[in-house]
C-alpha cells in the first residue's frame, strides 16, 4: 500500500476509534489495551491517547480493533429475548443468505458507521452458529458545564461561553443462533422504555423472513419456570426474586453486598418453603459467577423478567379499562386486545394462564378491574357480557387522574359499603383495612384465604344477578327452568372452588347457601 494510502487509512481508523471509545465501556477498552500490552491509563482520555499512539506506532492494527469490536460490542447492558429456533436446515443457510439482499455482508469486517436508523450491518456464519448484527447511531451535543468560561473581549464587554461536547451513541441489536441450542436469541442494547423494543422486533423478524430463516414470527420462550428453578440452585447467586400470582406477589431479597439469598438461613428457608405451583411466574436478579461457570471470562449479572411481569395488576388496569369503556359499550375480550396492543404484549404474554389453567391472566385482571369499578358506580353493564362507563366514570376521567385504584374507589360511599361488607374489608379504628393486599403484614394466610373466598362469592352473586331474568321468581318458574338454572349454577360454582368440600353435592352446597342468601329471590 502506498505511504499516502497508509496515512489515509490510519487517519480513518483513528477517527473511527475516537468515536467508538466514547460508546464502549471502560472495562472493554482496558481489555483491548491489556491484551496487546499497551499502557492503559485511568480514564477515557488516557485510553484514547494510548490507543492512537499505538496506531501510529503500528502496534495496534485495524484487524486487531475489528476483532476486538466483534467480540465485545453489544454484549453488555442488553435485553435478551429467547425464541424457538428456525426449522430451516443449517446446510441451506448460506445459500439463503447469498440469495438475499444481505449476502454481501457475510463475514465482512464490523462496520464503523453510525446509521441514523437501525440497519443490518454484519453477518457471521460458521459451522456452529449464525450471528447477525444491526447498528443504530445518533449524534448530538451534550451540555458540559465544567467547560464553561467567561472572559472580557477587547470591546470591554463581558462574554459567557457555554460548552457542549459532541456525543456519539452507537447501539447494537443481535440475532444469535448457536445451532446445537434449542433456542435462538434477540439481544437489544437499547432501553426498554414503553414500546421502544416493538419496532426493533418488527424489523428483525422482517429481515430474517426476507432471508428465509422464518416464514412467520417465531414463538417466544417463557422463562418464568427457569427463573423459579434458578432460585433453588447452588451454582447461581440469587440477589432477589419475586414470585407472582394473580392479586399479589412474594419478594425475597438479600441486602448483602457480597452474597445472596442462599447465604442467609432465614431467607433460604423462606424461599424453600414457597410452593411454586401456586405462582404463575417469577422474576429475579441473578449473579453467574466465573468460579462456578467455566465458560465465563468474568462474573455476569442478569435481571430476569418472566412474561407475566409485563401484564399490569388489576388496579393498574382500572384507568385504561375505564378510558376504553368511556368510548362506548365494549367487552372484556375487546378491551384486552386493545390494552395488549398498547403494551406491545407478545402472543405468549397475552395467553398466559392463571395457575388453574382456566382463564388468561390479562382477561382475569380486567374482569376484576371492571367488577370493582362497577361497585364504585364508574361502570355499568347494559347487557350480558358488555359494559360502559357511567356519567360518574366519565366525570372522573375529566379530572385526568394519574391512576385509579382501590384507595381512590374508597371515596365512593357505595364502594366503601361493598368493600367492608362483601369485599372482605374490615373496620379498624375508623379506617377501612384492605386485607386483599397480599403484601399486608397484618393478615395471616388464613385471613387472606377467607377474604378471597368472600370476594369471590360477592363477584359470583353479582354475575348471577345479571344472568337471571328480572321476572323470574322461585314461585313462578317452571320446574325445567329451575332445574336448568340449578345445573348451570352448580357448574359455575365449581369454577370458584370450595374450601369446605372437594367433591359431591356438599361441594356445591358449600357455596350455594351463601350465594342464594344474597340474591333475595
Foldseek 3Di string as FASTA:
>chain_A
DDPVVLVVVLVVVLVLVVQVLQADDLVLLQVLCVVLVWDRDDDSVSSSVRVNVCSVVVSQDPVSVLVSCVPDAQPPQKDKFKFFFFPDPLVCLLVLLCPFPNNVQEPDGFDSDAAQDWDFHHWYDDPFKIKTKTKHKDKDKAWDQVPKDWDADPVRDIDTDTDIDIHMYMHMWMWMDGPVDRIIMIIGNDDPDQPVCLVVLVVVVVVCVRSPRDVDDTGTDFCFVVVLVVVLDDQKAWQKKWFAAALAIDIQGDPDPPGHQVVDVVSNVVSVPDDNLQGLGMWTWIWRQCVSPVVDPGIDIDTGDGLLVLQDHLQQCLVQLQVVLAVDKDALVVSLVVVCVSRVRDPCSSQRCHSVRPDRSNSVSPVVSQVLVVQLQQKDAPAPRIIHGDPVVVVVVVVVDPGGGPVNSCVRVSSVVCCPPQQLWHADPNDTDDLSNVPDPPDDPVSNVVNVVSNVLVVVLVNVLRVDDPPDDPVPDDPVVVVVVVVVLQVVQVVVWDPPDHDDPVRSVRSVVVNVVPNPD
